[in-house]
Amino acid sequence: MRHPLRSTITGLVVALVLGPAAVGCAQQESPTAEVDQVTDVANPRALAAIADSVFIGVVEEKVGTESLGQVPETQYRVKVSQRLKGPTGDEVIVNQLAGERPDGSRFSVEGDEPLQPGQEYLFAARTHPNGKWQTVADVHGTREIGSAAERSELATTFREAIANPLRPEDVWKRKPTPSE
C-alpha cells in the first residue's frame, strides 16, 4: 500500500541521498523524469526538515553544467540576501538537476524550469557530496519571488517551518528506508 503523501512528492530525497542516478532510473522517453519521494516536499515543514540550507537570493549567472550519466546538472551563482537555515555565505553556487544532455536535448525533473539570471528565489537545498554547491529540491526547492510582500511571506512561512519541521520519520512513524 502506498503512503498517501508519496503521490505528491517530487525529487529531493532520492535525488540527493541516493544520488542523481536515481532520477535517471525513473526517466521516461520524454525529457523529464518523475520521482517518488519519502516526504512531501511541497509542504514547507517537510522541505525544511530535509534541507541543509534555506535562503533567499538573486541568480546572478549560470556558471557551469555537469552530467552524471544521462542526468545533467546546472550550476548558478546566487547572491544571498537572506539566510534562514544552514551555512551559506554571501554567494552560493546552486545546483539544479536539470539542463542540457550531451545530445542537446533538455532534461528536467517533473518539468522544473531552469533558474533565470536576475530573478530572486527562495532556495531550499542540500549540500552536494562534492561540497562545492547546494543542490536545490526539484520543483519545490526554488520558489520564484515577484515582490517584497511575497519575499516577506515566504521568509515567514519558512522560518515557521524551520522552527517546526515535519521529518519523514514523523510522517511515517519510523525512519524510511532508501528502497521506499
N, C-alpha and C. Protein backbone atom coordinates (compact mmCIF):
# COMPACT_ATOMS: atom_id res chain seq x y z
N MET A 1 0.84 -1.18 0.00
CA MET A 1 0.00 0.00 0.00
C MET A 1 0.88 1.24 0.00
N ARG A 2 0.59 2.19 -0.85
CA ARG A 2 1.39 3.40 -0.96
C ARG A 2 1.00 4.38 0.13
N HIS A 3 1.98 5.09 0.65
CA HIS A 3 1.73 6.14 1.63
C HIS A 3 1.03 7.29 0.93
N PRO A 4 0.00 7.91 1.51
CA PRO A 4 -0.76 8.95 0.81
C PRO A 4 0.08 10.16 0.39
N LEU A 5 1.13 10.49 1.11
CA LEU A 5 1.94 11.64 0.72
C LEU A 5 2.78 11.39 -0.52
N ARG A 6 3.08 10.13 -0.79
CA ARG A 6 4.02 9.81 -1.87
C ARG A 6 3.53 10.23 -3.24
N SER A 7 2.23 10.33 -3.45
CA SER A 7 1.74 10.68 -4.78
C SER A 7 2.02 12.12 -5.14
N THR A 8 2.27 12.97 -4.16
CA THR A 8 2.52 14.39 -4.42
C THR A 8 3.98 14.77 -4.28
N ILE A 9 4.84 13.82 -4.14
CA ILE A 9 6.22 14.11 -3.78
C ILE A 9 7.12 14.17 -5.01
N THR A 10 8.05 15.14 -4.99
CA THR A 10 8.97 15.30 -6.11
C THR A 10 10.36 14.84 -5.74
N GLY A 11 11.43 15.45 -6.19
CA GLY A 11 12.72 14.81 -6.23
C GLY A 11 13.81 15.02 -5.24
N LEU A 12 13.67 15.58 -4.07
CA LEU A 12 14.85 15.89 -3.29
C LEU A 12 15.51 14.69 -2.63
N VAL A 13 14.82 13.94 -1.81
CA VAL A 13 15.50 12.93 -1.00
C VAL A 13 16.14 11.85 -1.85
N VAL A 14 15.41 11.26 -2.80
CA VAL A 14 16.01 10.22 -3.63
C VAL A 14 17.16 10.78 -4.44
N ALA A 15 16.96 11.94 -5.04
CA ALA A 15 18.00 12.52 -5.88
C ALA A 15 19.24 12.89 -5.09
N LEU A 16 19.06 13.35 -3.86
CA LEU A 16 20.21 13.82 -3.11
C LEU A 16 20.80 12.76 -2.18
N VAL A 17 19.98 11.87 -1.66
CA VAL A 17 20.51 10.83 -0.79
C VAL A 17 21.08 9.69 -1.60
N LEU A 18 20.34 9.26 -2.60
CA LEU A 18 20.81 8.14 -3.42
C LEU A 18 21.66 8.61 -4.58
N GLY A 19 21.60 9.88 -4.92
CA GLY A 19 22.41 10.44 -5.99
C GLY A 19 21.60 10.67 -7.24
N PRO A 20 22.13 11.51 -8.15
CA PRO A 20 21.43 11.86 -9.37
C PRO A 20 21.07 10.67 -10.24
N ALA A 21 21.81 9.58 -10.16
CA ALA A 21 21.48 8.41 -10.98
C ALA A 21 20.10 7.86 -10.63
N ALA A 22 19.66 8.07 -9.40
CA ALA A 22 18.33 7.59 -9.00
C ALA A 22 17.24 8.26 -9.81
N VAL A 23 17.46 9.51 -10.18
CA VAL A 23 16.48 10.21 -11.01
C VAL A 23 16.41 9.56 -12.38
N GLY A 24 17.57 9.19 -12.92
CA GLY A 24 17.60 8.55 -14.23
C GLY A 24 16.84 7.24 -14.25
N CYS A 25 16.76 6.56 -13.13
CA CYS A 25 16.01 5.30 -13.06
C CYS A 25 14.54 5.51 -13.37
N ALA A 26 14.02 6.67 -13.01
CA ALA A 26 12.60 6.95 -13.22
C ALA A 26 12.37 7.65 -14.57
N GLN A 27 13.43 7.88 -15.29
CA GLN A 27 13.34 8.63 -16.54
C GLN A 27 12.48 7.92 -17.56
N GLN A 28 11.68 8.71 -18.27
CA GLN A 28 10.85 8.19 -19.33
C GLN A 28 11.44 8.63 -20.65
N GLU A 29 10.75 8.35 -21.77
CA GLU A 29 11.25 8.78 -23.06
C GLU A 29 11.20 10.29 -23.21
N SER A 30 10.32 10.96 -22.48
CA SER A 30 10.25 12.41 -22.54
C SER A 30 11.46 13.01 -21.84
N PRO A 31 11.71 14.31 -22.03
CA PRO A 31 12.89 14.90 -21.40
C PRO A 31 12.69 15.25 -19.94
N THR A 32 11.70 14.67 -19.27
CA THR A 32 11.52 14.89 -17.85
C THR A 32 11.49 13.56 -17.13
N ALA A 33 11.75 13.61 -15.85
CA ALA A 33 11.68 12.42 -15.01
C ALA A 33 10.65 12.68 -13.93
N GLU A 34 9.97 11.63 -13.52
CA GLU A 34 9.07 11.71 -12.38
C GLU A 34 9.72 10.93 -11.26
N VAL A 35 9.63 11.46 -10.05
CA VAL A 35 10.31 10.86 -8.92
C VAL A 35 9.32 10.70 -7.78
N ASP A 36 9.39 9.58 -7.11
CA ASP A 36 8.57 9.32 -5.94
C ASP A 36 9.48 9.51 -4.73
N GLN A 37 9.01 10.21 -3.72
CA GLN A 37 9.84 10.57 -2.59
C GLN A 37 9.32 10.03 -1.28
N VAL A 38 10.12 10.20 -0.23
CA VAL A 38 9.75 9.74 1.10
C VAL A 38 9.08 10.83 1.93
N THR A 39 8.98 12.02 1.42
CA THR A 39 8.30 13.09 2.12
C THR A 39 7.70 14.07 1.12
N ASP A 40 6.76 14.83 1.55
CA ASP A 40 6.04 15.76 0.69
C ASP A 40 6.77 17.10 0.65
N VAL A 41 7.70 17.27 -0.28
CA VAL A 41 8.50 18.49 -0.33
C VAL A 41 7.68 19.70 -0.78
N ALA A 42 6.43 19.51 -1.15
CA ALA A 42 5.54 20.66 -1.40
C ALA A 42 5.13 21.31 -0.08
N ASN A 43 5.26 20.58 1.01
CA ASN A 43 4.94 21.09 2.34
C ASN A 43 6.18 21.78 2.90
N PRO A 44 6.13 23.09 3.17
CA PRO A 44 7.32 23.79 3.68
C PRO A 44 7.93 23.16 4.92
N ARG A 45 7.12 22.61 5.82
CA ARG A 45 7.65 21.98 7.03
C ARG A 45 8.47 20.73 6.69
N ALA A 46 7.99 19.94 5.73
CA ALA A 46 8.71 18.73 5.32
C ALA A 46 9.98 19.12 4.55
N LEU A 47 9.88 20.12 3.69
CA LEU A 47 11.04 20.56 2.93
C LEU A 47 12.11 21.13 3.87
N ALA A 48 11.69 21.93 4.83
CA ALA A 48 12.64 22.50 5.80
C ALA A 48 13.34 21.41 6.61
N ALA A 49 12.63 20.31 6.88
CA ALA A 49 13.22 19.23 7.68
C ALA A 49 14.37 18.55 6.96
N ILE A 50 14.30 18.43 5.65
CA ILE A 50 15.35 17.70 4.94
C ILE A 50 16.38 18.61 4.28
N ALA A 51 16.12 19.92 4.26
CA ALA A 51 17.07 20.85 3.64
C ALA A 51 18.21 21.18 4.60
N ASP A 52 19.43 21.23 4.06
CA ASP A 52 20.57 21.70 4.84
C ASP A 52 20.57 23.22 4.94
N SER A 53 20.05 23.85 3.89
CA SER A 53 20.03 25.31 3.87
C SER A 53 18.76 25.81 3.20
N VAL A 54 18.27 26.93 3.72
CA VAL A 54 17.13 27.65 3.14
C VAL A 54 17.55 29.11 3.13
N PHE A 55 17.46 29.73 1.96
CA PHE A 55 17.89 31.12 1.84
C PHE A 55 17.19 31.80 0.67
N ILE A 56 17.26 33.12 0.67
CA ILE A 56 16.70 33.93 -0.41
C ILE A 56 17.86 34.60 -1.11
N GLY A 57 17.80 34.63 -2.44
CA GLY A 57 18.87 35.26 -3.20
C GLY A 57 18.48 35.47 -4.64
N VAL A 58 19.34 36.20 -5.33
CA VAL A 58 19.15 36.51 -6.75
C VAL A 58 20.17 35.71 -7.57
N VAL A 59 19.68 35.03 -8.60
CA VAL A 59 20.56 34.30 -9.51
C VAL A 59 21.34 35.33 -10.31
N GLU A 60 22.67 35.27 -10.21
CA GLU A 60 23.50 36.21 -10.95
C GLU A 60 23.85 35.70 -12.34
N GLU A 61 24.23 34.41 -12.42
CA GLU A 61 24.58 33.86 -13.73
C GLU A 61 24.71 32.35 -13.66
N LYS A 62 24.57 31.74 -14.82
CA LYS A 62 24.85 30.31 -14.96
C LYS A 62 26.36 30.17 -15.01
N VAL A 63 26.91 29.24 -14.21
CA VAL A 63 28.37 29.12 -14.15
C VAL A 63 28.90 27.76 -14.59
N GLY A 64 28.02 26.80 -14.88
CA GLY A 64 28.53 25.51 -15.32
C GLY A 64 27.44 24.48 -15.49
N THR A 65 27.86 23.35 -16.07
CA THR A 65 26.99 22.19 -16.19
C THR A 65 27.85 20.95 -16.02
N GLU A 66 27.24 19.93 -15.48
CA GLU A 66 27.89 18.64 -15.35
C GLU A 66 26.85 17.59 -15.66
N SER A 67 27.29 16.46 -16.14
CA SER A 67 26.38 15.35 -16.37
C SER A 67 26.94 14.10 -15.73
N LEU A 68 26.11 13.49 -14.92
CA LEU A 68 26.45 12.21 -14.34
C LEU A 68 25.56 11.20 -15.05
N GLY A 69 26.11 10.53 -16.04
CA GLY A 69 25.29 9.65 -16.88
C GLY A 69 24.38 10.51 -17.75
N GLN A 70 23.10 10.22 -17.74
CA GLN A 70 22.13 10.97 -18.55
C GLN A 70 21.47 12.11 -17.79
N VAL A 71 21.90 12.38 -16.57
CA VAL A 71 21.27 13.40 -15.76
C VAL A 71 22.14 14.66 -15.72
N PRO A 72 21.76 15.69 -16.48
CA PRO A 72 22.53 16.92 -16.43
C PRO A 72 22.22 17.74 -15.18
N GLU A 73 23.22 18.41 -14.68
CA GLU A 73 23.07 19.30 -13.54
C GLU A 73 23.64 20.65 -13.96
N THR A 74 22.94 21.72 -13.61
CA THR A 74 23.35 23.07 -13.99
C THR A 74 23.61 23.87 -12.73
N GLN A 75 24.73 24.60 -12.73
CA GLN A 75 25.11 25.39 -11.57
C GLN A 75 24.95 26.89 -11.89
N TYR A 76 24.49 27.61 -10.85
CA TYR A 76 24.26 29.05 -10.93
C TYR A 76 24.89 29.74 -9.73
N ARG A 77 25.46 30.92 -9.96
CA ARG A 77 25.97 31.73 -8.86
C ARG A 77 24.81 32.58 -8.35
N VAL A 78 24.59 32.53 -7.03
CA VAL A 78 23.48 33.24 -6.40
C VAL A 78 24.02 34.18 -5.33
N LYS A 79 23.58 35.42 -5.36
CA LYS A 79 23.90 36.39 -4.32
C LYS A 79 22.83 36.26 -3.24
N VAL A 80 23.26 35.85 -2.05
CA VAL A 80 22.34 35.60 -0.94
C VAL A 80 21.98 36.92 -0.27
N SER A 81 20.67 37.14 -0.10
CA SER A 81 20.22 38.35 0.59
C SER A 81 19.67 38.04 1.98
N GLN A 82 19.23 36.81 2.19
CA GLN A 82 18.64 36.45 3.48
C GLN A 82 18.88 34.97 3.75
N ARG A 83 19.53 34.65 4.88
CA ARG A 83 19.76 33.28 5.29
C ARG A 83 18.71 32.90 6.32
N LEU A 84 18.04 31.78 6.08
CA LEU A 84 17.03 31.31 7.02
C LEU A 84 17.48 30.05 7.76
N LYS A 85 18.29 29.23 7.10
CA LYS A 85 18.78 27.99 7.71
C LYS A 85 20.08 27.59 7.04
N GLY A 86 20.99 27.09 7.86
CA GLY A 86 22.18 26.45 7.33
C GLY A 86 23.30 27.38 6.93
N PRO A 87 24.41 26.76 6.61
CA PRO A 87 25.61 27.52 6.26
C PRO A 87 25.58 28.00 4.81
N THR A 88 25.54 29.28 4.64
CA THR A 88 25.71 29.86 3.32
C THR A 88 26.51 31.14 3.50
N GLY A 89 27.24 31.52 2.49
CA GLY A 89 27.96 32.78 2.52
C GLY A 89 27.14 33.83 1.79
N ASP A 90 27.82 34.91 1.42
CA ASP A 90 27.14 35.96 0.67
C ASP A 90 26.86 35.53 -0.77
N GLU A 91 27.64 34.58 -1.25
CA GLU A 91 27.40 33.99 -2.57
C GLU A 91 27.43 32.48 -2.43
N VAL A 92 26.57 31.82 -3.20
CA VAL A 92 26.45 30.36 -3.15
C VAL A 92 26.34 29.86 -4.58
N ILE A 93 26.92 28.71 -4.83
CA ILE A 93 26.67 28.04 -6.11
C ILE A 93 25.51 27.09 -5.87
N VAL A 94 24.45 27.31 -6.64
CA VAL A 94 23.24 26.48 -6.55
C VAL A 94 23.26 25.51 -7.72
N ASN A 95 22.99 24.26 -7.43
CA ASN A 95 22.98 23.18 -8.42
C ASN A 95 21.54 22.74 -8.64
N GLN A 96 21.13 22.67 -9.90
CA GLN A 96 19.77 22.24 -10.25
C GLN A 96 19.86 20.99 -11.10
N LEU A 97 19.08 19.97 -10.74
CA LEU A 97 19.04 18.74 -11.53
C LEU A 97 18.17 18.99 -12.76
N ALA A 98 18.77 19.62 -13.73
CA ALA A 98 18.11 19.96 -14.99
C ALA A 98 19.17 20.54 -15.91
N GLY A 99 18.88 20.53 -17.18
CA GLY A 99 19.82 21.12 -18.12
C GLY A 99 19.82 20.42 -19.45
N GLU A 100 20.91 20.62 -20.16
CA GLU A 100 21.05 20.06 -21.50
C GLU A 100 21.90 18.80 -21.45
N ARG A 101 21.42 17.76 -22.10
CA ARG A 101 22.15 16.50 -22.20
C ARG A 101 23.24 16.61 -23.27
N PRO A 102 24.17 15.66 -23.27
CA PRO A 102 25.22 15.68 -24.30
C PRO A 102 24.67 15.66 -25.73
N ASP A 103 23.48 15.06 -25.94
CA ASP A 103 22.91 15.03 -27.29
C ASP A 103 22.14 16.31 -27.64
N GLY A 104 22.12 17.29 -26.71
CA GLY A 104 21.45 18.56 -26.97
C GLY A 104 20.01 18.62 -26.48
N SER A 105 19.45 17.49 -26.06
CA SER A 105 18.07 17.51 -25.56
C SER A 105 18.05 18.05 -24.13
N ARG A 106 16.91 18.62 -23.74
CA ARG A 106 16.74 19.16 -22.40
C ARG A 106 16.21 18.09 -21.46
N PHE A 107 16.57 18.22 -20.19
CA PHE A 107 16.12 17.29 -19.17
C PHE A 107 15.71 18.09 -17.94
N SER A 108 14.63 17.67 -17.29
CA SER A 108 14.27 18.24 -16.00
C SER A 108 13.50 17.20 -15.22
N VAL A 109 13.37 17.45 -13.93
CA VAL A 109 12.58 16.58 -13.08
C VAL A 109 11.20 17.22 -12.93
N GLU A 110 10.18 16.49 -13.38
CA GLU A 110 8.80 16.91 -13.30
C GLU A 110 8.58 18.31 -13.86
N GLY A 111 9.28 18.65 -14.94
CA GLY A 111 9.07 19.92 -15.62
C GLY A 111 9.67 21.13 -14.92
N ASP A 112 10.56 20.91 -13.95
CA ASP A 112 11.20 22.01 -13.24
C ASP A 112 11.87 22.94 -14.24
N GLU A 113 11.57 24.22 -14.18
CA GLU A 113 12.11 25.20 -15.12
C GLU A 113 13.52 25.63 -14.70
N PRO A 114 14.39 25.93 -15.68
CA PRO A 114 15.74 26.41 -15.34
C PRO A 114 15.65 27.74 -14.58
N LEU A 115 16.60 27.95 -13.69
CA LEU A 115 16.67 29.22 -12.97
C LEU A 115 17.00 30.33 -13.95
N GLN A 116 16.51 31.53 -13.66
CA GLN A 116 16.69 32.67 -14.55
C GLN A 116 17.59 33.73 -13.91
N PRO A 117 18.71 34.07 -14.57
CA PRO A 117 19.56 35.14 -14.05
C PRO A 117 18.74 36.43 -13.87
N GLY A 118 19.01 37.12 -12.75
CA GLY A 118 18.30 38.35 -12.42
C GLY A 118 17.05 38.12 -11.59
N GLN A 119 16.60 36.88 -11.50
CA GLN A 119 15.38 36.56 -10.76
C GLN A 119 15.71 36.22 -9.31
N GLU A 120 14.87 36.65 -8.39
CA GLU A 120 15.02 36.34 -6.97
C GLU A 120 14.20 35.09 -6.65
N TYR A 121 14.77 34.22 -5.81
CA TYR A 121 14.11 32.97 -5.41
C TYR A 121 14.32 32.72 -3.93
N LEU A 122 13.45 31.92 -3.37
CA LEU A 122 13.72 31.25 -2.11
C LEU A 122 14.27 29.89 -2.51
N PHE A 123 15.37 29.48 -1.90
CA PHE A 123 16.01 28.21 -2.21
C PHE A 123 15.98 27.30 -0.98
N ALA A 124 15.65 26.04 -1.19
CA ALA A 124 15.77 25.00 -0.17
C ALA A 124 16.67 23.94 -0.78
N ALA A 125 17.78 23.65 -0.12
CA ALA A 125 18.80 22.80 -0.76
C ALA A 125 19.52 21.93 0.25
N ARG A 126 20.22 20.95 -0.31
CA ARG A 126 21.12 20.10 0.47
C ARG A 126 22.52 20.29 -0.11
N THR A 127 23.51 20.17 0.76
CA THR A 127 24.89 20.30 0.32
C THR A 127 25.24 19.09 -0.54
N HIS A 128 25.71 19.36 -1.75
CA HIS A 128 26.10 18.29 -2.68
C HIS A 128 27.30 17.55 -2.06
N PRO A 129 27.40 16.24 -2.29
CA PRO A 129 28.53 15.48 -1.73
C PRO A 129 29.90 16.06 -2.09
N ASN A 130 30.01 16.77 -3.22
CA ASN A 130 31.31 17.35 -3.58
C ASN A 130 31.64 18.59 -2.75
N GLY A 131 30.67 19.09 -1.97
CA GLY A 131 30.91 20.25 -1.11
C GLY A 131 31.00 21.57 -1.82
N LYS A 132 30.89 21.58 -3.14
CA LYS A 132 31.08 22.81 -3.91
C LYS A 132 29.79 23.61 -4.11
N TRP A 133 28.63 22.96 -3.92
CA TRP A 133 27.39 23.68 -4.18
C TRP A 133 26.24 23.12 -3.37
N GLN A 134 25.13 23.86 -3.44
CA GLN A 134 23.89 23.47 -2.80
C GLN A 134 22.93 22.99 -3.88
N THR A 135 22.50 21.73 -3.80
CA THR A 135 21.56 21.19 -4.78
C THR A 135 20.14 21.45 -4.29
N VAL A 136 19.38 22.17 -5.11
CA VAL A 136 18.02 22.53 -4.72
C VAL A 136 17.07 21.35 -4.93
N ALA A 137 16.04 21.31 -4.09
CA ALA A 137 15.00 20.31 -4.24
C ALA A 137 14.28 20.58 -5.56
N ASP A 138 13.95 19.53 -6.26
CA ASP A 138 13.28 19.68 -7.55
C ASP A 138 11.89 20.29 -7.36
N VAL A 139 11.53 21.17 -8.25
CA VAL A 139 10.25 21.87 -8.32
C VAL A 139 9.99 22.75 -7.11
N HIS A 140 9.94 22.22 -5.90
CA HIS A 140 9.58 23.00 -4.72
C HIS A 140 10.78 23.61 -4.01
N GLY A 141 11.98 23.30 -4.42
CA GLY A 141 13.17 23.84 -3.79
C GLY A 141 13.57 25.21 -4.29
N THR A 142 12.88 25.69 -5.30
CA THR A 142 13.07 27.06 -5.77
C THR A 142 11.70 27.69 -5.89
N ARG A 143 11.51 28.77 -5.21
CA ARG A 143 10.24 29.49 -5.27
C ARG A 143 10.53 30.89 -5.76
N GLU A 144 10.04 31.20 -6.93
CA GLU A 144 10.27 32.50 -7.54
C GLU A 144 9.59 33.58 -6.71
N ILE A 145 10.29 34.70 -6.52
CA ILE A 145 9.77 35.81 -5.73
C ILE A 145 9.52 36.99 -6.66
N GLY A 146 8.31 37.52 -6.62
CA GLY A 146 7.94 38.62 -7.51
C GLY A 146 7.77 39.96 -6.84
N SER A 147 7.75 40.00 -5.50
CA SER A 147 7.53 41.27 -4.82
C SER A 147 8.09 41.20 -3.39
N ALA A 148 8.21 42.37 -2.77
CA ALA A 148 8.68 42.44 -1.39
C ALA A 148 7.70 41.72 -0.47
N ALA A 149 6.41 41.85 -0.75
CA ALA A 149 5.39 41.19 0.07
C ALA A 149 5.53 39.67 -0.03
N GLU A 150 5.77 39.18 -1.23
CA GLU A 150 5.95 37.73 -1.43
C GLU A 150 7.22 37.25 -0.72
N ARG A 151 8.30 38.03 -0.79
CA ARG A 151 9.55 37.68 -0.10
C ARG A 151 9.30 37.57 1.40
N SER A 152 8.60 38.55 1.96
CA SER A 152 8.30 38.56 3.38
C SER A 152 7.44 37.37 3.78
N GLU A 153 6.43 37.07 2.97
CA GLU A 153 5.54 35.94 3.25
C GLU A 153 6.29 34.61 3.21
N LEU A 154 7.14 34.42 2.19
CA LEU A 154 7.92 33.18 2.10
C LEU A 154 8.91 33.05 3.25
N ALA A 155 9.56 34.16 3.61
CA ALA A 155 10.51 34.13 4.72
C ALA A 155 9.80 33.74 6.02
N THR A 156 8.63 34.32 6.25
CA THR A 156 7.85 33.99 7.45
C THR A 156 7.42 32.52 7.44
N THR A 157 6.90 32.06 6.30
CA THR A 157 6.46 30.66 6.17
C THR A 157 7.61 29.72 6.47
N PHE A 158 8.79 29.98 5.90
CA PHE A 158 9.91 29.06 6.08
C PHE A 158 10.58 29.20 7.44
N ARG A 159 10.55 30.38 8.06
CA ARG A 159 11.05 30.48 9.44
C ARG A 159 10.20 29.61 10.36
N GLU A 160 8.87 29.67 10.17
CA GLU A 160 7.97 28.83 10.97
C GLU A 160 8.19 27.35 10.67
N ALA A 161 8.41 27.01 9.40
CA ALA A 161 8.65 25.61 9.01
C ALA A 161 9.96 25.10 9.59
N ILE A 162 10.98 25.93 9.61
CA ILE A 162 12.28 25.55 10.17
C ILE A 162 12.15 25.34 11.68
N ALA A 163 11.35 26.18 12.33
CA ALA A 163 11.15 26.05 13.77
C ALA A 163 10.28 24.84 14.14
N ASN A 164 9.46 24.38 13.20
CA ASN A 164 8.55 23.27 13.45
C ASN A 164 8.59 22.29 12.27
N PRO A 165 9.76 21.63 12.04
CA PRO A 165 9.90 20.76 10.86
C PRO A 165 9.04 19.50 10.95
N LEU A 166 8.70 18.99 9.78
CA LEU A 166 7.95 17.73 9.68
C LEU A 166 8.89 16.72 9.04
N ARG A 167 9.56 15.95 9.87
CA ARG A 167 10.55 14.98 9.40
C ARG A 167 9.86 13.74 8.81
N PRO A 168 10.49 13.10 7.83
CA PRO A 168 9.89 11.89 7.24
C PRO A 168 9.49 10.85 8.30
N GLU A 169 10.34 10.66 9.31
CA GLU A 169 10.02 9.67 10.33
C GLU A 169 8.80 10.06 11.16
N ASP A 170 8.51 11.38 11.25
CA ASP A 170 7.31 11.82 11.95
C ASP A 170 6.05 11.47 11.16
N VAL A 171 6.15 11.51 9.84
CA VAL A 171 5.03 11.17 8.97
C VAL A 171 4.83 9.67 8.93
N TRP A 172 5.93 8.96 8.76
CA TRP A 172 5.88 7.51 8.58
C TRP A 172 5.80 6.76 9.91
N LYS A 173 6.09 7.45 11.01
CA LYS A 173 6.15 6.84 12.34
C LYS A 173 7.30 5.85 12.45
N ARG A 174 8.26 5.99 11.53
CA ARG A 174 9.51 5.22 11.52
C ARG A 174 10.41 5.86 10.48
N LYS A 175 11.68 5.54 10.53
CA LYS A 175 12.61 6.07 9.51
C LYS A 175 12.37 5.34 8.20
N PRO A 176 12.16 6.10 7.09
CA PRO A 176 12.01 5.43 5.79
C PRO A 176 13.34 4.83 5.35
N THR A 177 13.27 3.76 4.59
CA THR A 177 14.48 3.14 4.07
C THR A 177 14.70 3.63 2.64
N PRO A 178 15.93 3.57 2.13
CA PRO A 178 16.20 4.06 0.76
C PRO A 178 15.35 3.36 -0.31
N SER A 179 14.87 2.17 -0.07
CA SER A 179 14.09 1.47 -1.10
C SER A 179 12.65 1.97 -1.18
N GLU A 180 12.24 2.81 -0.23
CA GLU A 180 10.86 3.30 -0.23
C GLU A 180 10.73 4.57 -1.02
